[in-house]
Amino acid sequence: MEDTFSAFVVREVDGSYEGNIEIKHIDDLPEGDVLIRVTHSCVNYKDALSMSGNRGVTKSYPHTPGVDAAGYIEQTTDERFHIGQAVVVNGFDFGMNTSGGFQEYIRVPADWVTPLPESIHPLEAMQYGTAGLTAAQSVDELSRVVSKDAGPILVTGATGGVGTVAIALLIRLGYTVHAVTGKRVEQERLLEKGVAEVLDRATFLEETDRPLKKGLYAGVIDTVGGPLLASVIRFVQYGGVVTTCGNVGGAEMTLTVYPFILRGVRLIGIDAVQTPITYREELWQRLASDWQVDLASEVDVKTLNDLPEVAEALLTSRHRGRTVIEI
């Protein structure tokens, strides 16, 4: 093990933010119980915000972003883990105000570390990443109430990271999936993946005073938030479930209580940050067994040098699927 390593570091330069690969020392890492050699990370919208200098995500710079990391334990003072064990780290404050996964080594508290099932390699873990874990949690909440025969499930933000994995999982479990996207060029690809119907985002954003629309969907997995979420809730049938996990479309929405008190619709928030480790382990076990899906065709593998380009694509809504960073 070397004392120095490569890391992607974002610095504020004359009022703007620039990221470059720099050499760091092991002693530069924060205190923690577990030292991990990172082999793979992945890029999320939150990483792109951190790289752009968004102080709501990262309060101080210089900073190494990356809210996801997977690799092998190099050192540990916690007896729950052993050297050489494959693990994943995401959630909590990792990569936001704590040095993140875009570097060769990380050091974190033991309570942030999730052991990987033996059948999942770190590369595969990062094909899922936080987005995949969020999608799995969304599908878990929905599938507890909504049967696959109850009607179609609507997925918003269908070409994003969470939407991509959610669609794959729903189809794997036998649900009929309808997808919402603002990217018309992606419609054919979604149909090829098994989506039964692709709808343009504008369809749901038409102005209307009607508090309820025809109940078309047994459930919704929303990744967008804002006005789109408020609109699709009106199309959910009696007893349906809506999960929501994102705010790229806005943090506020306006709607009536009627979907909830007249149709018994349930709105469930999905949080991937403070999810207990025991639940994370349960979800990873499912992804390693009966929920296993092949995401290879949805994933681009890049390097630390490619991070600025990937972040720009995310911030300008040109990114699709998942991007894994090979460290």
Protein backbone atom coordinates (compact mmCIF):
# COMPACT_ATOMS: atom_id res chain seq x y z
CA MET A 1 0.00 0.00 0.00
CA GLU A 2 1.38 3.40 -1.06
CA ASP A 3 1.29 6.48 1.17
CA THR A 4 0.12 8.67 -1.72
CA PHE A 5 -2.70 8.21 -4.22
CA SER A 6 -4.68 9.95 -6.97
CA ALA A 7 -7.83 11.90 -6.19
CA PHE A 8 -10.20 14.19 -8.10
CA VAL A 9 -10.21 17.49 -6.20
CA VAL A 10 -12.57 20.42 -6.80
CA ARG A 11 -11.22 23.86 -5.91
CA GLU A 12 -12.68 27.36 -6.06
CA VAL A 13 -10.67 29.47 -8.50
CA ASP A 14 -11.59 33.14 -9.03
CA GLY A 15 -15.22 32.56 -8.18
CA SER A 16 -15.65 29.42 -10.31
CA TYR A 17 -15.05 25.76 -9.52
CA GLU A 18 -12.52 23.53 -11.23
CA GLY A 19 -11.82 19.83 -10.73
CA ASN A 20 -8.51 18.14 -11.43
CA ILE A 21 -6.64 14.97 -10.50
CA GLU A 22 -4.20 15.64 -7.67
CA ILE A 23 -1.92 13.55 -5.46
CA LYS A 24 -3.07 13.15 -1.85
CA HIS A 25 -1.48 11.50 1.18
CA ILE A 26 -3.17 8.86 3.31
CA ASP A 27 -2.90 11.27 6.24
CA ASP A 28 -5.10 13.74 4.32
CA LEU A 29 -8.09 11.42 4.74
CA PRO A 30 -10.54 12.03 7.59
CA GLU A 31 -10.49 9.92 10.72
CA GLY A 32 -12.45 6.67 10.57
CA ASP A 33 -12.60 3.00 11.50
CA VAL A 34 -12.19 1.54 8.01
CA LEU A 35 -9.70 2.30 5.24
CA ILE A 36 -10.93 1.13 1.83
CA ARG A 37 -9.11 0.78 -1.48
CA VAL A 38 -11.64 2.10 -3.97
CA THR A 39 -11.84 0.29 -7.30
CA HIS A 40 -15.05 1.86 -8.64
CA SER A 41 -17.36 4.79 -8.05
CA CYS A 42 -20.24 6.24 -10.06
CA VAL A 43 -21.63 9.67 -10.89
CA ASN A 44 -24.90 11.01 -9.46
CA TYR A 45 -26.72 14.32 -9.86
CA LYS A 46 -25.61 15.25 -6.34
CA ASP A 47 -21.97 14.77 -7.42
CA ALA A 48 -22.49 17.11 -10.36
CA LEU A 49 -23.91 19.73 -8.00
CA SER A 50 -20.93 19.35 -5.67
CA MET A 51 -18.52 19.71 -8.59
CA SER A 52 -20.29 22.92 -9.66
CA GLY A 53 -19.82 24.52 -6.23
CA ASN A 54 -23.36 24.06 -4.92
CA ARG A 55 -23.09 25.01 -1.24
CA GLY A 56 -26.33 23.22 -0.46
CA VAL A 57 -24.49 19.96 -1.13
CA THR A 58 -20.91 20.80 -0.18
CA LYS A 59 -20.21 23.60 2.27
CA SER A 60 -16.43 23.97 1.91
CA TYR A 61 -13.75 23.49 -0.72
CA PRO A 62 -11.29 22.05 -1.78
CA HIS A 63 -13.31 18.86 -1.83
CA THR A 64 -13.26 15.36 -3.33
CA PRO A 65 -16.84 14.48 -4.36
CA GLY A 66 -18.36 11.05 -4.99
CA VAL A 67 -21.33 9.88 -2.92
CA ASP A 68 -20.68 6.27 -3.96
CA ALA A 69 -17.64 4.03 -3.58
CA ALA A 70 -16.98 0.31 -3.78
CA GLY A 71 -13.82 -1.64 -3.21
CA TYR A 72 -11.90 -3.70 -0.67
CA ILE A 73 -11.02 -3.13 2.96
CA GLU A 74 -7.35 -2.29 3.45
CA GLN A 75 -7.39 -1.63 7.22
CA THR A 76 -10.07 -1.89 9.90
CA THR A 77 -10.39 -1.44 13.64
CA ASP A 78 -13.94 -2.81 13.63
CA GLU A 79 -14.30 -6.57 14.12
CA ARG A 80 -17.41 -6.70 11.91
CA PHE A 81 -15.12 -6.43 8.88
CA HIS A 82 -11.95 -8.07 7.63
CA ILE A 83 -9.11 -7.10 5.31
CA GLY A 84 -9.87 -7.86 1.68
CA GLN A 85 -13.64 -7.82 2.16
CA ALA A 86 -15.70 -6.28 -0.67
CA VAL A 87 -17.81 -3.39 0.58
CA VAL A 88 -19.80 -0.39 -0.61
CA VAL A 89 -20.13 3.06 0.96
CA ASN A 90 -22.89 5.55 0.19
CA GLY A 91 -25.38 7.75 2.02
CA PHE A 92 -24.90 9.57 5.33
CA ASP A 93 -22.53 12.51 4.68
CA PHE A 94 -20.18 10.61 2.39
CA GLY A 95 -19.05 12.64 -0.61
CA MET A 96 -20.92 15.77 0.40
CA ASN A 97 -19.04 17.33 3.32
CA THR A 98 -16.83 14.28 3.84
CA SER A 99 -14.13 13.28 1.36
CA GLY A 100 -15.86 11.05 -1.21
CA GLY A 101 -15.38 8.23 -3.67
CA PHE A 102 -13.55 9.91 -6.57
CA GLN A 103 -10.15 8.78 -5.24
CA GLU A 104 -8.12 5.63 -4.74
CA TYR A 105 -8.59 5.42 -0.96
CA ILE A 106 -11.28 6.49 1.51
CA ARG A 107 -11.48 6.31 5.29
CA VAL A 108 -14.94 6.29 6.89
CA PRO A 109 -16.80 5.31 10.07
CA ALA A 110 -17.63 1.61 10.24
CA ASP A 111 -21.34 2.42 10.49
CA TRP A 112 -21.23 3.81 6.93
CA VAL A 113 -19.93 0.56 5.42
CA THR A 114 -22.18 -2.10 3.86
CA PRO A 115 -20.75 -5.58 3.11
CA LEU A 116 -21.44 -6.77 -0.42
CA PRO A 117 -22.86 -10.22 -1.15
CA GLU A 118 -20.16 -12.54 -2.46
CA SER A 119 -21.78 -12.68 -5.89
CA ILE A 120 -21.63 -8.90 -6.43
CA HIS A 121 -18.31 -7.43 -7.60
CA PRO A 122 -17.58 -3.73 -6.81
CA LEU A 123 -18.00 -2.88 -10.50
CA GLU A 124 -21.49 -4.37 -10.49
CA ALA A 125 -22.27 -2.62 -7.20
CA MET A 126 -21.49 0.72 -8.80
CA GLN A 127 -23.66 -0.09 -11.80
CA TYR A 128 -26.43 0.17 -9.21
CA GLY A 129 -24.91 2.72 -6.82
CA THR A 130 -27.08 5.07 -4.78
CA ALA A 131 -29.46 5.37 -7.74
CA GLY A 132 -29.95 1.60 -7.86
CA LEU A 133 -30.41 1.32 -4.12
CA THR A 134 -32.98 4.13 -4.26
CA ALA A 135 -34.78 2.35 -7.08
CA ALA A 136 -34.74 -0.93 -5.16
CA GLN A 137 -36.19 0.75 -2.08
CA SER A 138 -38.89 2.39 -4.23
CA VAL A 139 -39.83 -0.92 -5.85
CA ASP A 140 -39.83 -2.63 -2.45
CA GLU A 141 -42.26 -0.10 -0.98
CA LEU A 142 -44.54 -0.27 -4.01
CA SER A 143 -44.50 -4.07 -4.35
CA ARG A 144 -45.58 -4.56 -0.73
CA VAL A 145 -49.00 -3.12 -1.62
CA VAL A 146 -49.42 -3.23 -5.41
CA SER A 147 -49.64 -6.59 -7.18
CA LYS A 148 -48.28 -7.02 -10.70
CA ASP A 149 -51.84 -7.61 -11.94
CA ALA A 150 -53.29 -4.40 -10.46
CA GLY A 151 -52.43 -2.25 -13.46
CA PRO A 152 -49.49 -0.46 -15.08
CA ILE A 153 -46.80 1.30 -13.04
CA LEU A 154 -45.74 4.76 -14.20
CA VAL A 155 -42.05 5.72 -13.87
CA THR A 156 -41.06 9.38 -14.23
CA GLY A 157 -37.56 10.49 -15.18
CA ALA A 158 -37.30 7.21 -17.03
CA THR A 159 -33.87 7.79 -18.60
CA GLY A 160 -32.16 8.88 -15.39
CA GLY A 161 -30.22 6.64 -13.03
CA VAL A 162 -33.06 5.80 -10.63
CA GLY A 163 -35.62 5.53 -13.41
CA THR A 164 -33.42 3.22 -15.47
CA VAL A 165 -32.92 0.75 -12.62
CA ALA A 166 -36.53 1.00 -11.42
CA ILE A 167 -37.83 0.08 -14.88
CA ALA A 168 -35.47 -2.91 -15.10
CA LEU A 169 -36.52 -4.14 -11.64
CA LEU A 170 -40.26 -3.72 -12.29
CA ILE A 171 -40.05 -5.61 -15.58
CA ARG A 172 -37.95 -8.30 -13.87
CA LEU A 173 -40.74 -8.72 -11.30
CA GLY A 174 -43.47 -8.95 -13.92
CA TYR A 175 -45.03 -5.48 -13.77
CA THR A 176 -46.32 -3.60 -16.80
CA VAL A 177 -44.37 -0.36 -17.01
CA HIS A 178 -45.26 2.98 -18.59
CA ALA A 179 -42.49 5.58 -18.73
CA VAL A 180 -42.44 9.37 -18.72
CA THR A 181 -39.54 11.24 -20.32
CA GLY A 182 -38.87 14.64 -21.84
CA LYS A 183 -36.35 13.09 -24.23
CA ARG A 184 -38.20 11.99 -27.34
CA VAL A 185 -35.06 10.49 -28.87
CA GLU A 186 -35.05 7.90 -26.07
CA GLN A 187 -38.58 6.60 -26.65
CA GLU A 188 -37.61 3.79 -29.02
CA ARG A 189 -34.87 2.59 -26.69
CA LEU A 190 -37.29 2.44 -23.75
CA LEU A 191 -39.73 0.36 -25.79
CA GLU A 192 -36.92 -2.03 -26.72
CA LYS A 193 -36.19 -2.48 -23.00
CA GLY A 194 -39.73 -3.75 -22.40
CA VAL A 195 -41.62 -0.57 -21.50
CA ALA A 196 -45.22 -0.95 -22.67
CA GLU A 197 -45.87 2.74 -23.33
CA VAL A 198 -43.74 5.89 -23.38
CA LEU A 199 -45.36 9.23 -22.64
CA ASP A 200 -44.02 12.72 -23.10
CA ARG A 201 -43.57 14.74 -19.92
CA ALA A 202 -45.64 17.58 -21.41
CA THR A 203 -48.70 15.30 -21.43
CA PHE A 204 -48.88 15.51 -17.65
CA LEU A 205 -48.06 19.20 -17.31
CA GLU A 206 -51.11 20.59 -19.10
CA GLU A 207 -53.01 23.16 -17.03
CA THR A 208 -56.23 21.79 -15.52
CA ASP A 209 -58.49 22.54 -12.58
CA ARG A 210 -59.59 18.92 -12.18
CA PRO A 211 -58.35 17.51 -8.85
CA LEU A 212 -58.71 13.93 -10.10
CA LYS A 213 -58.19 12.37 -13.51
CA LYS A 214 -59.04 8.90 -14.74
CA GLY A 215 -57.33 6.28 -12.55
CA LEU A 216 -54.90 4.77 -15.06
CA TYR A 217 -52.02 3.61 -12.86
CA ALA A 218 -51.76 1.18 -9.99
CA GLY A 219 -48.63 2.95 -8.81
CA VAL A 220 -45.99 5.53 -9.63
CA ILE A 221 -42.25 5.62 -9.05
CA ASP A 222 -41.40 9.30 -9.24
CA THR A 223 -37.83 10.57 -9.54
CA VAL A 224 -38.61 14.14 -10.57
CA GLY A 225 -40.80 15.85 -7.97
CA GLY A 226 -42.39 19.28 -8.44
CA PRO A 227 -45.37 19.89 -10.76
CA LEU A 228 -44.92 16.55 -12.55
CA LEU A 229 -45.37 14.63 -9.30
CA ALA A 230 -48.43 16.70 -8.42
CA SER A 231 -49.92 15.90 -11.83
CA VAL A 232 -49.31 12.15 -11.98
CA ILE A 233 -50.79 11.62 -8.50
CA ARG A 234 -54.18 12.60 -9.97
CA PHE A 235 -54.00 9.61 -12.37
CA VAL A 236 -53.47 6.95 -9.68
CA GLN A 237 -56.29 4.47 -9.14
CA TYR A 238 -57.90 3.54 -5.84
CA GLY A 239 -55.44 2.14 -3.30
CA GLY A 240 -52.42 2.96 -5.44
CA VAL A 241 -48.93 3.75 -4.19
CA VAL A 242 -46.68 6.63 -5.23
CA THR A 243 -43.02 6.75 -4.21
CA THR A 244 -40.94 9.87 -4.66
CA CYS A 245 -37.19 10.37 -4.31
CA GLY A 246 -36.06 13.41 -6.30
CA ASN A 247 -36.54 17.13 -6.83
CA VAL A 248 -34.87 17.85 -10.17
CA GLY A 249 -38.30 19.08 -11.36
CA GLY A 250 -38.78 21.26 -8.30
CA ALA A 251 -39.08 20.98 -4.54
CA GLU A 252 -42.64 22.31 -4.31
CA MET A 253 -45.93 21.03 -5.67
CA THR A 254 -49.57 22.11 -5.51
CA LEU A 255 -52.41 19.59 -5.38
CA THR A 256 -55.58 18.81 -3.49
CA VAL A 257 -56.07 16.17 -0.80
CA TYR A 258 -58.65 14.34 -2.95
CA PRO A 259 -56.34 11.62 -4.32
CA PHE A 260 -55.56 10.68 -0.72
CA ILE A 261 -59.00 10.92 0.90
CA LEU A 262 -61.17 9.77 -2.03
CA ARG A 263 -58.91 7.15 -3.61
CA GLY A 264 -56.76 6.14 -0.66
CA VAL A 265 -53.57 6.89 -2.59
CA ARG A 266 -50.40 6.50 -0.51
CA LEU A 267 -47.45 8.85 -1.03
CA ILE A 268 -44.18 7.39 0.28
CA GLY A 269 -40.95 9.35 0.47
CA ILE A 270 -37.72 7.48 -0.31
CA ASP A 271 -34.55 8.53 1.49
CA ALA A 272 -31.27 6.91 0.46
CA VAL A 273 -29.09 8.95 2.84
CA GLN A 274 -30.05 7.68 6.30
CA THR A 275 -31.30 4.23 5.26
CA PRO A 276 -30.24 1.77 8.01
CA ILE A 277 -27.38 -0.57 7.10
CA THR A 278 -29.53 -3.65 7.86
CA TYR A 279 -32.07 -2.57 5.25
CA ARG A 280 -29.28 -1.80 2.77
CA GLU A 281 -27.92 -5.32 3.26
CA GLU A 282 -31.38 -6.76 2.64
CA LEU A 283 -31.73 -4.81 -0.61
CA TRP A 284 -28.25 -5.84 -1.80
CA GLN A 285 -29.14 -9.49 -1.11
CA ARG A 286 -32.24 -9.13 -3.27
CA LEU A 287 -30.24 -7.47 -6.05
CA ALA A 288 -27.85 -10.41 -5.86
CA SER A 289 -30.61 -13.00 -6.18
CA ASP A 290 -34.24 -12.79 -7.31
CA TRP A 291 -34.05 -9.07 -8.21
CA GLN A 292 -30.86 -9.38 -10.23
CA VAL A 293 -30.94 -7.43 -13.50
CA ASP A 294 -28.34 -6.91 -16.23
CA LEU A 295 -27.46 -3.21 -16.39
CA ALA A 296 -24.37 -3.52 -18.57
CA SER A 297 -26.08 -2.00 -21.62
CA GLU A 298 -27.23 0.98 -19.52
CA VAL A 299 -23.78 1.75 -18.11
CA ASP A 300 -20.84 3.76 -19.46
CA VAL A 301 -17.48 3.13 -17.79
CA LYS A 302 -15.31 6.25 -17.52
CA THR A 303 -12.23 7.41 -15.61
CA LEU A 304 -11.52 10.27 -13.21
CA ASN A 305 -10.43 12.37 -16.20
CA ASP A 306 -13.95 12.17 -17.64
CA LEU A 307 -15.73 13.54 -14.55
CA PRO A 308 -16.15 17.19 -15.71
CA GLU A 309 -17.80 16.08 -18.96
CA VAL A 310 -20.15 13.66 -17.19
CA ALA A 311 -21.12 16.28 -14.60
CA GLU A 312 -21.91 18.81 -17.33
CA ALA A 313 -24.17 16.27 -19.07
CA LEU A 314 -26.03 15.65 -15.80
CA LEU A 315 -26.55 19.35 -15.10
CA THR A 316 -27.86 20.01 -18.63
CA SER A 317 -30.20 16.98 -18.76
CA ARG A 318 -28.17 15.29 -21.51
CA HIS A 319 -27.12 12.31 -19.40
CA ARG A 320 -28.89 8.97 -19.47
CA GLY A 321 -28.49 5.67 -17.68
CA ARG A 322 -25.56 5.12 -15.32
CA THR A 323 -21.90 6.19 -15.46
CA VAL A 324 -19.38 4.11 -13.51
CA ILE A 325 -15.96 5.57 -12.72
CA GLU A 326 -13.11 3.07 -12.76
CA ILE A 327 -10.59 4.36 -10.24
